[in-house]
Amino acid sequence: MPIPGAPAHDVTCTGARRRTDASLVGRLNGEWSRLCADPRTESAVAHWARRHPELAGCLALEDVELAVTAADAEQADRILLALLRLARAGDSLAGRTVLQLMLGKAVRIATTRAGRDTKPSLEHTAVAALWTTIATYPIERRPAKVAANIAMETLRAVTGELTHQLSETPTSPDVLAADLMPLTPSKRTTADHELLDLLTWAVDEGTITAADATLILDIYTPAPGSEGGAAAAERHGLSWPAARQRASRAIRKVARQLRADVPTAA
């Protein structure tokens, strides 16, 4: 099944306009340009060409991109398989090349999930999923439609991660107080004060960051005149699902640290 809005045979080509901003994708593109300009990569590509006929004639990374772009789908798959085999044998540049060739797919996948999280977060999730898919691709079992398979596995991983994010619901302060505060040596009169004390302790211990503590407080115990929940997430530049996930993970870290450090009262 094709990715919505993308042709079946679609990889990043050397002639495509590339982002060079401060985003993850922009930084990857910048890194790729530096790799292409590094004369040391030419010897690596020449080594690839000697080992794999699919890469014959390639003298630089740009040649590999052009070879994939000019090839039909079957030949492009053979080139990708050669690079994947090199990557499996420990050649990190080969794996990085597959990542660059498929980076456009990751960006498109992130775009199809617009509204589920911020653009930077979606792209980060998609790139991480793409890299994992490349590293674990079953070469022998799936030697055909390689680009399509990588794209589909990446899409599946991104969809699963976003679904997991949506299912996570952080604990409310009153539940936190009832569940966690009996483990702490001091108590205050309200759940808000208890939560503040708890988070201050967690930051001091290095369990969570001050930013995570502030996010949790803003979500659950906003300052007078401010809204919590989704409005607090927006103030932090996060979507509500992303903020819920981040807060939930931070709270779980605090709970684990509490139970590890303080014996439960009899």
Protein backbone atom coordinates (compact mmCIF):
# COMPACT_ATOMS: atom_id res chain seq x y z
CA MET A 1 0.00 0.00 0.00
CA PRO A 2 1.58 3.31 -1.06
CA ILE A 3 2.17 6.15 1.34
CA PRO A 4 -0.57 8.78 0.78
CA GLY A 5 0.66 11.48 -1.56
CA ALA A 6 3.84 9.65 -2.57
CA PRO A 7 4.62 7.70 -5.76
CA ALA A 8 5.48 4.03 -5.50
CA HIS A 9 9.14 4.54 -6.50
CA ASP A 10 10.28 7.54 -4.51
CA VAL A 11 13.65 8.17 -2.93
CA THR A 12 15.51 11.35 -2.19
CA CYS A 13 17.53 12.47 -5.18
CA THR A 14 20.55 14.72 -5.38
CA GLY A 15 18.65 17.27 -7.44
CA ALA A 16 15.82 17.71 -4.96
CA ARG A 17 15.61 20.87 -2.90
CA ARG A 18 16.72 20.04 0.59
CA ARG A 19 15.96 21.79 3.82
CA THR A 20 18.99 23.18 5.61
CA ASP A 21 17.25 24.64 8.65
CA ALA A 22 17.85 23.78 12.30
CA SER A 23 15.33 20.92 12.29
CA LEU A 24 16.44 17.30 12.54
CA VAL A 25 15.82 16.85 8.81
CA GLY A 26 17.76 20.02 8.04
CA ARG A 27 20.67 18.86 10.20
CA LEU A 28 20.69 15.47 8.52
CA ASN A 29 20.78 17.16 5.13
CA GLY A 30 23.66 19.34 6.29
CA GLU A 31 25.53 16.29 7.55
CA TRP A 32 24.92 14.56 4.22
CA SER A 33 26.35 17.50 2.29
CA ARG A 34 29.48 17.35 4.44
CA LEU A 35 29.78 13.60 3.86
CA CYS A 36 29.48 14.12 0.12
CA ALA A 37 32.21 16.77 0.21
CA ASP A 38 34.55 14.61 2.32
CA PRO A 39 37.12 12.94 0.00
CA ARG A 40 37.37 10.00 2.41
CA THR A 41 33.89 8.85 1.44
CA GLU A 42 35.01 8.40 -2.17
CA SER A 43 37.27 5.50 -1.21
CA ALA A 44 34.39 3.92 0.69
CA VAL A 45 32.09 4.18 -2.35
CA ALA A 46 34.81 2.75 -4.59
CA HIS A 47 35.07 -0.19 -2.20
CA TRP A 48 31.30 -0.69 -2.42
CA ALA A 49 31.45 -0.68 -6.22
CA ARG A 50 34.14 -3.36 -6.24
CA ARG A 51 32.09 -5.62 -3.96
CA HIS A 52 28.64 -5.06 -5.43
CA PRO A 53 27.97 -4.91 -9.19
CA GLU A 54 24.79 -2.93 -8.51
CA LEU A 55 27.04 -0.02 -7.52
CA ALA A 56 29.49 -0.37 -10.40
CA GLY A 57 30.52 3.01 -11.77
CA CYS A 58 29.74 4.88 -8.55
CA LEU A 59 32.69 7.00 -7.47
CA ALA A 60 31.02 9.20 -4.83
CA LEU A 61 27.92 9.36 -2.67
CA GLU A 62 26.23 11.64 -5.20
CA ASP A 63 26.68 8.88 -7.79
CA VAL A 64 24.84 6.43 -5.55
CA GLU A 65 21.94 8.86 -5.26
CA LEU A 66 21.85 9.42 -9.00
CA ALA A 67 22.03 5.68 -9.66
CA VAL A 68 18.98 5.05 -7.48
CA THR A 69 17.09 7.99 -8.96
CA ALA A 70 17.77 6.91 -12.55
CA ALA A 71 17.06 3.22 -11.94
CA ASP A 72 13.76 1.47 -12.33
CA ALA A 73 12.11 0.09 -9.19
CA GLU A 74 13.79 -3.33 -9.42
CA GLN A 75 17.28 -1.92 -9.94
CA ALA A 76 16.74 0.62 -7.14
CA ASP A 77 15.80 -2.27 -4.85
CA ARG A 78 19.02 -4.11 -5.79
CA ILE A 79 21.07 -1.03 -4.92
CA LEU A 80 19.25 -0.63 -1.60
CA LEU A 81 19.81 -4.32 -0.82
CA ALA A 82 23.53 -3.94 -1.52
CA LEU A 83 23.72 -0.98 0.86
CA LEU A 84 21.70 -2.83 3.50
CA ARG A 85 24.07 -5.80 3.30
CA LEU A 86 27.03 -3.46 3.73
CA ALA A 87 25.31 -1.84 6.70
CA ARG A 88 24.61 -5.22 8.29
CA ALA A 89 28.31 -6.03 7.95
CA GLY A 90 29.12 -2.94 10.00
CA ASP A 91 29.46 -0.20 7.38
CA SER A 92 27.76 2.77 9.05
CA LEU A 93 28.14 4.98 5.97
CA ALA A 94 26.11 2.50 3.94
CA GLY A 95 23.32 2.59 6.50
CA ARG A 96 23.49 6.38 6.57
CA THR A 97 23.18 6.40 2.79
CA VAL A 98 19.97 4.33 2.92
CA LEU A 99 18.66 6.74 5.54
CA GLN A 100 19.32 9.69 3.26
CA LEU A 101 17.81 7.96 0.26
CA MET A 102 14.63 7.26 2.23
CA LEU A 103 14.53 10.50 4.22
CA GLY A 104 11.93 12.01 1.91
CA LYS A 105 9.61 9.13 2.76
CA ALA A 106 10.02 9.79 6.47
CA VAL A 107 9.15 13.45 5.96
CA ARG A 108 6.03 12.50 3.98
CA ILE A 109 4.97 10.04 6.68
CA ALA A 110 5.35 12.76 9.30
CA THR A 111 3.30 15.12 7.13
CA THR A 112 0.44 12.61 6.85
CA ARG A 113 0.22 12.63 10.65
CA ALA A 114 0.00 16.41 10.96
CA GLY A 115 -2.14 17.44 13.92
CA ARG A 116 -1.16 14.43 16.02
CA ASP A 117 1.90 16.23 17.39
CA THR A 118 4.20 19.12 16.56
CA LYS A 119 6.01 18.98 13.22
CA PRO A 120 9.48 18.61 14.80
CA SER A 121 8.28 15.82 17.08
CA LEU A 122 6.56 13.97 14.23
CA GLU A 123 9.65 14.20 12.04
CA HIS A 124 11.86 13.02 14.88
CA THR A 125 9.56 10.03 15.44
CA ALA A 126 9.53 9.22 11.72
CA VAL A 127 13.31 9.47 11.32
CA ALA A 128 13.90 7.31 14.40
CA ALA A 129 11.44 4.71 13.06
CA LEU A 130 13.13 4.80 9.65
CA TRP A 131 16.57 4.26 11.16
CA THR A 132 15.32 1.31 13.22
CA THR A 133 13.64 -0.20 10.16
CA ILE A 134 16.87 0.09 8.17
CA ALA A 135 18.91 -1.49 10.94
CA THR A 136 16.54 -4.45 11.29
CA TYR A 137 15.43 -4.94 7.68
CA PRO A 138 15.06 -8.70 6.87
CA ILE A 139 17.20 -8.80 3.72
CA GLU A 140 16.83 -12.49 2.92
CA ARG A 141 13.13 -12.66 3.68
CA ARG A 142 12.08 -9.47 1.85
CA PRO A 143 14.42 -8.91 -1.12
CA ALA A 144 11.74 -7.36 -3.34
CA LYS A 145 10.01 -3.96 -3.11
CA VAL A 146 12.63 -2.87 -0.62
CA ALA A 147 11.86 0.85 -0.70
CA ALA A 148 8.14 0.19 -0.32
CA ASN A 149 8.72 -2.26 2.53
CA ILE A 150 10.97 0.15 4.40
CA ALA A 151 8.41 2.91 3.98
CA MET A 152 5.55 0.72 5.16
CA GLU A 153 7.42 -0.54 8.23
CA THR A 154 8.34 3.02 9.07
CA LEU A 155 4.72 4.10 8.73
CA ARG A 156 3.61 1.18 10.89
CA ALA A 157 6.12 2.09 13.60
CA VAL A 158 5.15 5.77 13.58
CA THR A 159 1.46 4.93 13.76
CA GLY A 160 2.09 2.56 16.66
CA GLU A 161 4.12 5.15 18.56
CA LEU A 162 1.48 7.85 18.11
CA THR A 163 -1.28 5.46 19.17
CA HIS A 164 0.73 4.64 22.29
CA GLN A 165 1.13 8.34 23.04
CA LEU A 166 -2.60 8.93 22.79
CA SER A 167 -3.34 6.05 25.15
CA GLU A 168 -1.12 7.40 27.91
CA THR A 169 -2.98 9.41 30.53
CA PRO A 170 -0.93 11.01 33.32
CA THR A 171 -1.97 10.59 36.91
CA SER A 172 -3.80 13.52 38.46
CA PRO A 173 -2.35 15.31 41.50
CA ASP A 174 -4.86 13.91 43.97
CA VAL A 175 -4.18 10.35 42.83
CA LEU A 176 -0.47 11.07 42.95
CA ALA A 177 -0.85 12.29 46.52
CA ALA A 178 -2.76 9.19 47.58
CA ASP A 179 -0.42 6.82 45.75
CA LEU A 180 3.01 8.38 46.17
CA MET A 181 3.03 10.83 49.02
CA PRO A 182 2.80 8.19 51.77
CA LEU A 183 6.28 7.22 50.64
CA THR A 184 7.75 10.67 51.36
CA PRO A 185 9.02 11.80 54.73
CA SER A 186 7.10 15.08 54.85
CA LYS A 187 3.53 16.06 54.06
CA ARG A 188 1.69 19.30 53.44
CA THR A 189 -2.00 20.10 53.63
CA THR A 190 -2.95 19.94 49.97
CA ALA A 191 -2.22 17.74 46.99
CA ASP A 192 -0.85 20.79 45.15
CA HIS A 193 1.74 21.44 47.85
CA GLU A 194 2.60 17.77 48.03
CA LEU A 195 3.07 17.62 44.29
CA LEU A 196 5.29 20.69 44.37
CA ASP A 197 7.41 19.19 47.13
CA LEU A 198 7.61 15.88 45.31
CA LEU A 199 8.71 17.45 42.02
CA THR A 200 11.23 19.72 43.74
CA TRP A 201 12.77 16.65 45.37
CA ALA A 202 12.80 14.79 42.03
CA VAL A 203 14.60 17.66 40.27
CA ASP A 204 17.13 17.93 43.12
CA GLU A 205 17.78 14.19 42.85
CA GLY A 206 18.24 14.44 39.08
CA THR A 207 15.32 12.09 38.44
CA ILE A 208 13.55 14.53 36.12
CA THR A 209 14.48 17.87 34.60
CA ALA A 210 13.22 21.22 35.79
CA ALA A 211 11.44 21.59 32.45
CA ASP A 212 9.51 18.35 33.01
CA ALA A 213 8.59 19.42 36.54
CA THR A 214 7.35 22.78 35.27
CA LEU A 215 5.29 21.09 32.57
CA ILE A 216 3.63 18.77 35.10
CA LEU A 217 2.81 21.65 37.42
CA ASP A 218 1.43 23.78 34.59
CA ILE A 219 -0.77 20.93 33.36
CA TYR A 220 -2.16 19.91 36.72
CA THR A 221 -1.80 22.90 39.03
CA PRO A 222 -1.68 25.99 36.80
CA ALA A 223 -1.16 29.41 38.32
CA PRO A 224 -4.31 31.42 39.12
CA GLY A 225 -5.78 32.83 35.93
CA SER A 226 -4.09 30.21 33.74
CA GLU A 227 -5.57 27.06 32.26
CA GLY A 228 -4.02 23.64 32.67
CA GLY A 229 -4.29 20.65 30.37
CA ALA A 230 -4.10 21.31 26.65
CA ALA A 231 -3.71 25.06 27.18
CA ALA A 232 -0.62 24.43 29.31
CA ALA A 233 0.77 22.10 26.66
CA GLU A 234 0.36 24.83 24.07
CA ARG A 235 2.24 27.30 26.27
CA HIS A 236 5.13 24.84 26.31
CA GLY A 237 5.05 24.48 22.53
CA LEU A 238 3.73 20.93 22.67
CA SER A 239 0.65 19.18 21.39
CA TRP A 240 -1.65 17.79 24.06
CA PRO A 241 -0.81 14.14 23.25
CA ALA A 242 2.92 14.90 23.37
CA ALA A 243 2.59 16.78 26.65
CA ARG A 244 0.56 13.95 28.21
CA GLN A 245 3.18 11.43 27.16
CA ARG A 246 6.05 13.53 28.48
CA ALA A 247 4.32 14.19 31.78
CA SER A 248 3.35 10.54 32.16
CA ARG A 249 6.90 9.35 31.62
CA ALA A 250 8.29 11.89 34.07
CA ILE A 251 5.76 10.88 36.73
CA ARG A 252 6.65 7.21 36.30
CA LYS A 253 10.32 8.07 36.79
CA VAL A 254 9.47 9.88 40.02
CA ALA A 255 7.39 6.93 41.24
CA ARG A 256 10.19 4.46 40.53
CA GLN A 257 12.74 6.65 42.28
CA LEU A 258 10.54 7.10 45.32
CA ARG A 259 9.95 3.42 45.73
CA ALA A 260 13.64 2.68 45.24
CA ASP A 261 14.84 5.27 47.76
CA VAL A 262 12.21 5.36 50.50
CA PRO A 263 10.79 2.26 52.24
CA THR A 264 7.04 2.05 52.25
CA ALA A 265 5.58 2.68 55.70
CA ALA A 266 4.05 -0.34 57.38
